[in-house]
Amino acid sequence: MTKEEVQKENAVLKEDNRRLGEQEKELRKGFARVFGWFNQTQDRWTHEVKEELKELSWAEIFAKVGKLLATVRESTNAEYIERQEERLRNIERSIENLFQKDNK
């Protein structure tokens, strides 16, 4: 490759890198938008509250999503346990009713 060809290729790669960086930033902002991750700032003079999307790293996004999934699993497990406990109470009632019928 000639020096000019290398420079052209370098320019193309730099542009691709810039474009991909912008796309990646928009993806991270999309996560912030979907999950409602905003920073609230208050103007010093007007006291107006402004919300800006948080610019989180992928590590921060994965940590937050992981916490959300854990919360969902915990609530799902709690609901499952409650349903099983209710089923167990119903079985106990049925057994009691059977014994009461047999004792009559």
N, C-alpha and C. Protein backbone atom coordinates (compact mmCIF):
# COMPACT_ATOMS: atom_id res chain seq x y z
N MET A 1 0.85 -1.19 0.00
CA MET A 1 0.00 0.00 0.00
C MET A 1 0.89 1.24 0.00
N THR A 2 0.38 2.21 -0.72
CA THR A 2 1.11 3.48 -0.73
C THR A 2 0.69 4.31 0.48
N LYS A 3 1.44 5.34 0.72
CA LYS A 3 1.15 6.23 1.84
C LYS A 3 -0.24 6.84 1.69
N GLU A 4 -0.60 7.24 0.48
CA GLU A 4 -1.91 7.84 0.23
C GLU A 4 -3.04 6.85 0.48
N GLU A 5 -2.85 5.61 0.08
CA GLU A 5 -3.86 4.58 0.32
C GLU A 5 -4.05 4.32 1.82
N VAL A 6 -2.94 4.30 2.54
CA VAL A 6 -3.01 4.10 3.99
C VAL A 6 -3.75 5.27 4.64
N GLN A 7 -3.47 6.47 4.18
CA GLN A 7 -4.14 7.66 4.74
C GLN A 7 -5.64 7.62 4.44
N LYS A 8 -6.01 7.22 3.22
CA LYS A 8 -7.43 7.10 2.88
C LYS A 8 -8.11 6.04 3.74
N GLU A 9 -7.46 4.89 3.88
CA GLU A 9 -8.02 3.82 4.71
C GLU A 9 -8.14 4.27 6.15
N ASN A 10 -7.16 5.00 6.64
CA ASN A 10 -7.19 5.53 8.00
C ASN A 10 -8.36 6.49 8.18
N ALA A 11 -8.61 7.34 7.19
CA ALA A 11 -9.72 8.28 7.26
C ALA A 11 -11.05 7.53 7.29
N VAL A 12 -11.17 6.49 6.47
CA VAL A 12 -12.39 5.68 6.44
C VAL A 12 -12.61 5.01 7.79
N LEU A 13 -11.55 4.45 8.35
CA LEU A 13 -11.66 3.77 9.65
C LEU A 13 -12.01 4.75 10.76
N LYS A 14 -11.44 5.94 10.72
CA LYS A 14 -11.77 6.95 11.72
C LYS A 14 -13.24 7.33 11.64
N GLU A 15 -13.76 7.49 10.44
CA GLU A 15 -15.16 7.83 10.26
C GLU A 15 -16.06 6.69 10.74
N ASP A 16 -15.70 5.46 10.40
CA ASP A 16 -16.47 4.30 10.88
C ASP A 16 -16.46 4.26 12.41
N ASN A 17 -15.32 4.50 13.01
CA ASN A 17 -15.19 4.49 14.47
C ASN A 17 -16.06 5.58 15.09
N ARG A 18 -16.07 6.77 14.51
CA ARG A 18 -16.89 7.87 15.02
C ARG A 18 -18.37 7.52 14.93
N ARG A 19 -18.78 6.98 13.77
CA ARG A 19 -20.18 6.62 13.56
C ARG A 19 -20.61 5.51 14.51
N LEU A 20 -19.79 4.49 14.69
CA LEU A 20 -20.12 3.39 15.60
C LEU A 20 -20.18 3.88 17.05
N GLY A 21 -19.30 4.80 17.39
CA GLY A 21 -19.34 5.37 18.74
C GLY A 21 -20.64 6.11 19.00
N GLU A 22 -21.11 6.86 18.00
CA GLU A 22 -22.39 7.57 18.13
C GLU A 22 -23.55 6.58 18.25
N GLN A 23 -23.52 5.52 17.46
CA GLN A 23 -24.58 4.50 17.53
C GLN A 23 -24.59 3.84 18.90
N GLU A 24 -23.41 3.54 19.41
CA GLU A 24 -23.30 2.90 20.72
C GLU A 24 -23.83 3.82 21.81
N LYS A 25 -23.52 5.10 21.71
CA LYS A 25 -24.01 6.08 22.69
C LYS A 25 -25.54 6.16 22.63
N GLU A 26 -26.11 6.13 21.44
CA GLU A 26 -27.57 6.17 21.28
C GLU A 26 -28.21 4.91 21.86
N LEU A 27 -27.57 3.76 21.72
CA LEU A 27 -28.10 2.54 22.33
C LEU A 27 -28.15 2.67 23.84
N ARG A 28 -27.08 3.19 24.44
CA ARG A 28 -27.05 3.36 25.89
C ARG A 28 -28.11 4.37 26.34
N LYS A 29 -28.30 5.44 25.55
CA LYS A 29 -29.36 6.41 25.86
C LYS A 29 -30.73 5.76 25.75
N GLY A 30 -30.88 4.85 24.79
CA GLY A 30 -32.15 4.12 24.63
C GLY A 30 -32.49 3.32 25.87
N PHE A 31 -31.49 2.65 26.45
CA PHE A 31 -31.71 1.94 27.71
C PHE A 31 -32.16 2.91 28.79
N ALA A 32 -31.49 4.05 28.88
CA ALA A 32 -31.83 5.04 29.91
C ALA A 32 -33.27 5.53 29.71
N ARG A 33 -33.65 5.75 28.46
CA ARG A 33 -35.01 6.21 28.17
C ARG A 33 -36.04 5.16 28.56
N VAL A 34 -35.80 3.92 28.15
CA VAL A 34 -36.76 2.84 28.40
C VAL A 34 -36.95 2.60 29.89
N PHE A 35 -35.86 2.63 30.64
CA PHE A 35 -35.94 2.33 32.06
C PHE A 35 -36.13 3.56 32.93
N GLY A 36 -36.18 4.74 32.31
CA GLY A 36 -36.44 5.96 33.07
C GLY A 36 -35.28 6.40 33.94
N TRP A 37 -34.07 6.24 33.45
CA TRP A 37 -32.90 6.64 34.22
C TRP A 37 -32.54 8.07 33.84
N PHE A 38 -32.95 9.01 34.69
CA PHE A 38 -32.73 10.43 34.43
C PHE A 38 -31.96 11.06 35.59
N ASN A 39 -31.22 12.09 35.27
CA ASN A 39 -30.63 12.97 36.28
C ASN A 39 -31.52 14.19 36.37
N GLN A 40 -31.86 14.60 37.57
CA GLN A 40 -32.64 15.82 37.74
C GLN A 40 -31.72 16.92 38.23
N THR A 41 -31.77 18.03 37.53
CA THR A 41 -30.98 19.19 37.94
C THR A 41 -31.92 20.37 38.11
N GLN A 42 -31.58 21.23 39.03
CA GLN A 42 -32.41 22.40 39.28
C GLN A 42 -31.61 23.64 38.93
N ASP A 43 -32.24 24.51 38.13
CA ASP A 43 -31.59 25.75 37.75
C ASP A 43 -31.41 26.62 38.99
N ARG A 44 -30.25 27.19 39.12
CA ARG A 44 -29.91 27.97 40.31
C ARG A 44 -30.79 29.21 40.45
N TRP A 45 -31.15 29.84 39.34
CA TRP A 45 -31.88 31.11 39.40
C TRP A 45 -33.39 30.94 39.27
N THR A 46 -33.82 30.10 38.36
CA THR A 46 -35.26 29.94 38.15
C THR A 46 -35.85 28.79 38.96
N HIS A 47 -35.00 27.96 39.53
CA HIS A 47 -35.41 26.78 40.30
C HIS A 47 -36.20 25.79 39.46
N GLU A 48 -36.08 25.92 38.16
CA GLU A 48 -36.73 24.98 37.25
C GLU A 48 -35.98 23.65 37.28
N VAL A 49 -36.74 22.56 37.41
CA VAL A 49 -36.14 21.22 37.44
C VAL A 49 -36.08 20.68 36.02
N LYS A 50 -34.90 20.25 35.62
CA LYS A 50 -34.71 19.67 34.29
C LYS A 50 -34.29 18.22 34.45
N GLU A 51 -34.79 17.40 33.55
CA GLU A 51 -34.40 15.99 33.54
C GLU A 51 -33.54 15.73 32.31
N GLU A 52 -32.40 15.11 32.54
CA GLU A 52 -31.51 14.73 31.45
C GLU A 52 -31.26 13.23 31.54
N LEU A 53 -31.17 12.60 30.39
CA LEU A 53 -30.88 11.17 30.38
C LEU A 53 -29.50 10.93 30.99
N LYS A 54 -29.42 9.90 31.82
CA LYS A 54 -28.12 9.52 32.36
C LYS A 54 -27.32 8.85 31.25
N GLU A 55 -26.05 9.17 31.19
CA GLU A 55 -25.16 8.50 30.24
C GLU A 55 -24.37 7.46 31.01
N LEU A 56 -24.92 6.25 31.04
CA LEU A 56 -24.32 5.17 31.80
C LEU A 56 -23.39 4.34 30.92
N SER A 57 -22.41 3.72 31.55
CA SER A 57 -21.54 2.79 30.84
C SER A 57 -22.30 1.46 30.70
N TRP A 58 -21.79 0.59 29.84
CA TRP A 58 -22.44 -0.71 29.69
C TRP A 58 -22.40 -1.48 31.00
N ALA A 59 -21.31 -1.37 31.74
CA ALA A 59 -21.22 -2.06 33.03
C ALA A 59 -22.31 -1.58 33.98
N GLU A 60 -22.56 -0.28 34.01
CA GLU A 60 -23.61 0.26 34.87
C GLU A 60 -24.99 -0.20 34.41
N ILE A 61 -25.19 -0.23 33.09
CA ILE A 61 -26.47 -0.69 32.54
C ILE A 61 -26.71 -2.14 32.92
N PHE A 62 -25.69 -3.00 32.73
CA PHE A 62 -25.85 -4.42 33.06
C PHE A 62 -26.11 -4.60 34.55
N ALA A 63 -25.45 -3.82 35.39
CA ALA A 63 -25.68 -3.92 36.84
C ALA A 63 -27.11 -3.54 37.19
N LYS A 64 -27.61 -2.44 36.60
CA LYS A 64 -28.98 -2.01 36.88
C LYS A 64 -30.01 -3.02 36.37
N VAL A 65 -29.79 -3.54 35.17
CA VAL A 65 -30.71 -4.53 34.61
C VAL A 65 -30.68 -5.80 35.45
N GLY A 66 -29.50 -6.19 35.91
CA GLY A 66 -29.38 -7.36 36.78
C GLY A 66 -30.16 -7.19 38.07
N LYS A 67 -30.09 -6.00 38.66
CA LYS A 67 -30.84 -5.73 39.88
C LYS A 67 -32.35 -5.80 39.61
N LEU A 68 -32.77 -5.25 38.47
CA LEU A 68 -34.20 -5.32 38.11
C LEU A 68 -34.65 -6.77 37.94
N LEU A 69 -33.84 -7.57 37.27
CA LEU A 69 -34.19 -8.98 37.07
C LEU A 69 -34.25 -9.72 38.40
N ALA A 70 -33.32 -9.42 39.29
CA ALA A 70 -33.34 -10.06 40.61
C ALA A 70 -34.61 -9.69 41.37
N THR A 71 -35.02 -8.43 41.27
CA THR A 71 -36.25 -7.99 41.93
C THR A 71 -37.46 -8.73 41.37
N VAL A 72 -37.50 -8.87 40.06
CA VAL A 72 -38.61 -9.58 39.43
C VAL A 72 -38.63 -11.03 39.87
N ARG A 73 -37.46 -11.66 39.89
CA ARG A 73 -37.38 -13.07 40.33
C ARG A 73 -37.84 -13.22 41.77
N GLU A 74 -37.42 -12.29 42.62
CA GLU A 74 -37.82 -12.37 44.03
C GLU A 74 -39.33 -12.26 44.17
N SER A 75 -39.92 -11.32 43.43
CA SER A 75 -41.38 -11.16 43.53
C SER A 75 -42.08 -12.38 42.94
N THR A 76 -41.54 -12.91 41.85
CA THR A 76 -42.12 -14.10 41.24
C THR A 76 -42.02 -15.27 42.20
N ASN A 77 -40.87 -15.43 42.87
CA ASN A 77 -40.70 -16.53 43.83
C ASN A 77 -41.65 -16.35 45.01
N ALA A 78 -41.80 -15.11 45.48
CA ALA A 78 -42.71 -14.86 46.61
C ALA A 78 -44.14 -15.20 46.21
N GLU A 79 -44.54 -14.81 45.01
CA GLU A 79 -45.88 -15.12 44.54
C GLU A 79 -46.08 -16.63 44.42
N TYR A 80 -45.06 -17.33 43.93
CA TYR A 80 -45.13 -18.78 43.79
C TYR A 80 -45.30 -19.43 45.16
N ILE A 81 -44.52 -18.98 46.13
CA ILE A 81 -44.61 -19.53 47.48
C ILE A 81 -46.00 -19.28 48.06
N GLU A 82 -46.53 -18.08 47.85
CA GLU A 82 -47.88 -17.76 48.35
C GLU A 82 -48.92 -18.69 47.72
N ARG A 83 -48.81 -18.93 46.42
CA ARG A 83 -49.76 -19.83 45.75
C ARG A 83 -49.66 -21.25 46.30
N GLN A 84 -48.42 -21.71 46.53
CA GLN A 84 -48.23 -23.05 47.06
C GLN A 84 -48.77 -23.16 48.48
N GLU A 85 -48.56 -22.12 49.28
CA GLU A 85 -49.10 -22.13 50.63
C GLU A 85 -50.63 -22.17 50.61
N GLU A 86 -51.24 -21.43 49.70
CA GLU A 86 -52.70 -21.44 49.57
C GLU A 86 -53.18 -22.83 49.15
N ARG A 87 -52.48 -23.45 48.23
CA ARG A 87 -52.85 -24.81 47.81
C ARG A 87 -52.74 -25.78 48.98
N LEU A 88 -51.69 -25.62 49.78
CA LEU A 88 -51.50 -26.48 50.94
C LEU A 88 -52.64 -26.28 51.95
N ARG A 89 -53.05 -25.05 52.19
CA ARG A 89 -54.18 -24.78 53.09
C ARG A 89 -55.45 -25.43 52.57
N ASN A 90 -55.66 -25.35 51.25
CA ASN A 90 -56.85 -25.98 50.66
C ASN A 90 -56.82 -27.49 50.83
N ILE A 91 -55.66 -28.09 50.67
CA ILE A 91 -55.54 -29.54 50.86
C ILE A 91 -55.82 -29.90 52.32
N GLU A 92 -55.26 -29.10 53.24
CA GLU A 92 -55.50 -29.35 54.67
C GLU A 92 -57.00 -29.26 54.99
N ARG A 93 -57.67 -28.25 54.42
CA ARG A 93 -59.12 -28.12 54.64
C ARG A 93 -59.87 -29.34 54.10
N SER A 94 -59.44 -29.78 52.93
CA SER A 94 -60.10 -30.95 52.32
C SER A 94 -59.92 -32.18 53.21
N ILE A 95 -58.72 -32.37 53.75
CA ILE A 95 -58.46 -33.51 54.63
C ILE A 95 -59.31 -33.40 55.89
N GLU A 96 -59.38 -32.21 56.47
CA GLU A 96 -60.21 -32.00 57.67
C GLU A 96 -61.67 -32.32 57.37
N ASN A 97 -62.15 -31.87 56.22
CA ASN A 97 -63.54 -32.15 55.85
C ASN A 97 -63.78 -33.64 55.68
N LEU A 98 -62.82 -34.37 55.13
CA LEU A 98 -62.95 -35.81 54.97
C LEU A 98 -63.03 -36.49 56.33
N PHE A 99 -62.18 -36.07 57.26
CA PHE A 99 -62.20 -36.67 58.60
C PHE A 99 -63.50 -36.34 59.33
N GLN A 100 -64.00 -35.13 59.13
CA GLN A 100 -65.24 -34.76 59.79
C GLN A 100 -66.40 -35.59 59.25
N LYS A 101 -66.41 -35.87 57.95
CA LYS A 101 -67.46 -36.69 57.36
C LYS A 101 -67.38 -38.12 57.86
N ASP A 102 -66.13 -38.63 58.02
CA ASP A 102 -65.96 -40.00 58.48
C ASP A 102 -66.36 -40.14 59.94
N ASN A 103 -66.21 -39.10 60.74
CA ASN A 103 -66.53 -39.16 62.17
C ASN A 103 -68.02 -39.00 62.43
N LYS A 104 -68.79 -38.62 61.47
CA LYS A 104 -70.24 -38.42 61.68
C LYS A 104 -71.01 -39.67 61.55
